[in-house]
Amino acid sequence: MRGQGAAEAADQLSQMINHYAAQGLEYVRLESVSTIVTTPPNAGCFGFGGTPASSIETVLYMVVFKS
């Protein structure tokens, strides 16, 4: 979850692995996918109030299991 430290993230992953292992699934790996969305600049009205282009990166993490 956002705002967690490494220890909390590792504990959450460990709990998830144990939960699904109890259901017969085997942990394979942790994957990450990142995307960058860029918004074009806005010239504003007659050049006033314009905004520069900006980019936002989003990273998604997926835990992969196999049966």
N, C-alpha and C. Protein backbone atom coordinates (compact mmCIF):
# COMPACT_ATOMS: atom_id res chain seq x y z
N MET A 1 0.83 -1.19 0.00
CA MET A 1 0.00 0.00 0.00
C MET A 1 0.87 1.25 0.00
N ARG A 2 0.34 2.30 -0.52
CA ARG A 2 1.06 3.56 -0.62
C ARG A 2 1.43 4.06 0.78
N GLY A 3 2.66 4.57 0.90
CA GLY A 3 3.10 5.14 2.16
C GLY A 3 3.72 4.13 3.12
N GLN A 4 3.76 2.86 2.75
CA GLN A 4 4.35 1.87 3.63
C GLN A 4 5.84 1.80 3.41
N GLY A 5 6.55 1.41 4.47
CA GLY A 5 7.98 1.20 4.36
C GLY A 5 8.27 -0.20 3.84
N ALA A 6 9.56 -0.47 3.66
CA ALA A 6 9.98 -1.76 3.11
C ALA A 6 9.58 -2.92 4.01
N ALA A 7 9.70 -2.75 5.31
CA ALA A 7 9.36 -3.84 6.24
C ALA A 7 7.88 -4.18 6.16
N GLU A 8 7.03 -3.17 6.10
CA GLU A 8 5.59 -3.40 6.02
C GLU A 8 5.22 -4.06 4.69
N ALA A 9 5.86 -3.63 3.60
CA ALA A 9 5.58 -4.21 2.29
C ALA A 9 6.03 -5.67 2.26
N ALA A 10 7.19 -5.97 2.83
CA ALA A 10 7.69 -7.35 2.87
C ALA A 10 6.77 -8.23 3.71
N ASP A 11 6.26 -7.70 4.81
CA ASP A 11 5.34 -8.45 5.66
C ASP A 11 4.04 -8.73 4.93
N GLN A 12 3.53 -7.74 4.21
CA GLN A 12 2.29 -7.93 3.45
C GLN A 12 2.47 -8.98 2.36
N LEU A 13 3.61 -8.95 1.66
CA LEU A 13 3.89 -9.94 0.63
C LEU A 13 4.01 -11.33 1.24
N SER A 14 4.68 -11.43 2.37
CA SER A 14 4.82 -12.72 3.06
C SER A 14 3.46 -13.29 3.45
N GLN A 15 2.60 -12.46 3.98
CA GLN A 15 1.25 -12.90 4.37
C GLN A 15 0.47 -13.38 3.14
N MET A 16 0.61 -12.67 2.02
CA MET A 16 -0.09 -13.06 0.80
C MET A 16 0.43 -14.41 0.30
N ILE A 17 1.75 -14.58 0.29
CA ILE A 17 2.33 -15.85 -0.16
C ILE A 17 1.85 -16.99 0.72
N ASN A 18 1.86 -16.81 2.02
CA ASN A 18 1.40 -17.86 2.95
C ASN A 18 -0.08 -18.17 2.75
N HIS A 19 -0.88 -17.14 2.53
CA HIS A 19 -2.32 -17.32 2.34
C HIS A 19 -2.58 -18.20 1.11
N TYR A 20 -1.95 -17.88 -0.01
CA TYR A 20 -2.20 -18.64 -1.23
C TYR A 20 -1.49 -19.99 -1.23
N ALA A 21 -0.37 -20.11 -0.51
CA ALA A 21 0.30 -21.41 -0.38
C ALA A 21 -0.60 -22.39 0.36
N ALA A 22 -1.35 -21.90 1.33
CA ALA A 22 -2.29 -22.74 2.07
C ALA A 22 -3.41 -23.25 1.18
N GLN A 23 -3.64 -22.56 0.05
CA GLN A 23 -4.67 -22.97 -0.91
C GLN A 23 -4.08 -23.80 -2.05
N GLY A 24 -2.78 -24.14 -1.94
CA GLY A 24 -2.15 -25.00 -2.93
C GLY A 24 -1.46 -24.28 -4.07
N LEU A 25 -1.34 -22.97 -3.98
CA LEU A 25 -0.66 -22.21 -5.04
C LEU A 25 0.80 -21.98 -4.66
N GLU A 26 1.65 -21.89 -5.68
CA GLU A 26 3.08 -21.67 -5.46
C GLU A 26 3.46 -20.28 -5.94
N TYR A 27 4.16 -19.53 -5.10
CA TYR A 27 4.64 -18.20 -5.47
C TYR A 27 5.67 -18.33 -6.59
N VAL A 28 5.55 -17.50 -7.62
CA VAL A 28 6.50 -17.52 -8.74
C VAL A 28 7.40 -16.29 -8.71
N ARG A 29 6.79 -15.09 -8.71
CA ARG A 29 7.60 -13.87 -8.74
C ARG A 29 6.72 -12.64 -8.50
N LEU A 30 7.39 -11.53 -8.30
CA LEU A 30 6.73 -10.23 -8.18
C LEU A 30 7.07 -9.45 -9.44
N GLU A 31 6.06 -8.98 -10.15
CA GLU A 31 6.25 -8.23 -11.40
C GLU A 31 5.86 -6.78 -11.18
N SER A 32 6.50 -5.89 -11.91
CA SER A 32 6.08 -4.49 -11.89
C SER A 32 5.91 -4.00 -13.33
N VAL A 33 4.91 -3.17 -13.51
CA VAL A 33 4.64 -2.56 -14.81
C VAL A 33 4.50 -1.07 -14.57
N SER A 34 5.27 -0.28 -15.31
CA SER A 34 5.16 1.16 -15.14
C SER A 34 4.64 1.80 -16.43
N THR A 35 3.85 2.82 -16.25
CA THR A 35 3.34 3.59 -17.38
C THR A 35 3.60 5.07 -17.13
N ILE A 36 3.81 5.81 -18.19
CA ILE A 36 3.99 7.25 -18.08
C ILE A 36 2.95 7.92 -18.97
N VAL A 37 2.16 8.79 -18.38
CA VAL A 37 1.15 9.53 -19.12
C VAL A 37 1.60 10.98 -19.18
N THR A 38 1.73 11.50 -20.38
CA THR A 38 2.16 12.88 -20.57
C THR A 38 1.00 13.71 -21.07
N THR A 39 0.78 14.83 -20.42
CA THR A 39 -0.26 15.75 -20.87
C THR A 39 0.41 16.87 -21.66
N PRO A 40 -0.18 17.27 -22.77
CA PRO A 40 0.44 18.31 -23.59
C PRO A 40 0.37 19.67 -22.89
N PRO A 41 1.22 20.60 -23.31
CA PRO A 41 1.13 21.94 -22.72
C PRO A 41 -0.17 22.63 -23.12
N ASN A 42 -0.59 23.54 -22.29
CA ASN A 42 -1.80 24.31 -22.55
C ASN A 42 -1.36 25.77 -22.70
N ALA A 43 -1.63 26.37 -23.85
CA ALA A 43 -1.19 27.74 -24.12
C ALA A 43 -1.99 28.79 -23.35
N GLY A 44 -3.10 28.39 -22.77
CA GLY A 44 -3.93 29.35 -22.06
C GLY A 44 -4.71 30.24 -23.02
N CYS A 45 -5.28 31.28 -22.50
CA CYS A 45 -6.06 32.21 -23.31
C CYS A 45 -5.20 33.43 -23.60
N PHE A 46 -4.89 33.65 -24.87
CA PHE A 46 -4.02 34.75 -25.30
C PHE A 46 -2.65 34.68 -24.62
N GLY A 47 -2.21 33.45 -24.29
CA GLY A 47 -0.89 33.28 -23.69
C GLY A 47 -0.87 33.41 -22.17
N PHE A 48 -2.02 33.71 -21.55
CA PHE A 48 -2.08 33.85 -20.10
C PHE A 48 -2.64 32.57 -19.48
N GLY A 49 -2.10 32.18 -18.36
CA GLY A 49 -2.61 31.00 -17.64
C GLY A 49 -2.21 29.68 -18.27
N GLY A 50 -1.20 29.69 -19.10
CA GLY A 50 -0.75 28.46 -19.73
C GLY A 50 -0.06 27.54 -18.74
N THR A 51 0.00 26.27 -19.08
CA THR A 51 0.68 25.28 -18.25
C THR A 51 1.64 24.47 -19.12
N PRO A 52 2.79 24.11 -18.56
CA PRO A 52 3.74 23.30 -19.33
C PRO A 52 3.27 21.85 -19.42
N ALA A 53 3.89 21.11 -20.31
CA ALA A 53 3.60 19.67 -20.40
C ALA A 53 4.02 19.02 -19.08
N SER A 54 3.33 17.96 -18.71
CA SER A 54 3.69 17.25 -17.48
C SER A 54 3.55 15.75 -17.70
N SER A 55 4.30 15.00 -16.91
CA SER A 55 4.26 13.55 -17.00
C SER A 55 4.01 12.96 -15.62
N ILE A 56 3.21 11.91 -15.58
CA ILE A 56 2.92 11.20 -14.34
C ILE A 56 3.25 9.73 -14.56
N GLU A 57 4.07 9.17 -13.68
CA GLU A 57 4.41 7.75 -13.77
C GLU A 57 3.59 6.97 -12.75
N THR A 58 3.03 5.86 -13.19
CA THR A 58 2.28 4.97 -12.32
C THR A 58 2.94 3.60 -12.38
N VAL A 59 3.17 3.00 -11.21
CA VAL A 59 3.77 1.67 -11.15
C VAL A 59 2.79 0.72 -10.49
N LEU A 60 2.50 -0.39 -11.17
CA LEU A 60 1.61 -1.42 -10.65
C LEU A 60 2.45 -2.65 -10.33
N TYR A 61 2.17 -3.29 -9.21
CA TYR A 61 2.88 -4.50 -8.82
C TYR A 61 1.91 -5.67 -8.84
N MET A 62 2.37 -6.80 -9.40
CA MET A 62 1.53 -7.99 -9.49
C MET A 62 2.29 -9.16 -8.89
N VAL A 63 1.60 -9.92 -8.06
CA VAL A 63 2.19 -11.12 -7.47
C VAL A 63 1.72 -12.30 -8.32
N VAL A 64 2.66 -13.11 -8.82
CA VAL A 64 2.35 -14.20 -9.72
C VAL A 64 2.48 -15.51 -8.97
N PHE A 65 1.42 -16.32 -9.07
CA PHE A 65 1.37 -17.65 -8.45
C PHE A 65 1.08 -18.68 -9.54
N LYS A 66 1.39 -19.93 -9.27
CA LYS A 66 0.98 -21.01 -10.17
C LYS A 66 0.41 -22.14 -9.34
N SER A 67 -0.49 -22.91 -9.98
CA SER A 67 -1.12 -24.02 -9.26
C SER A 67 -0.44 -25.33 -9.59
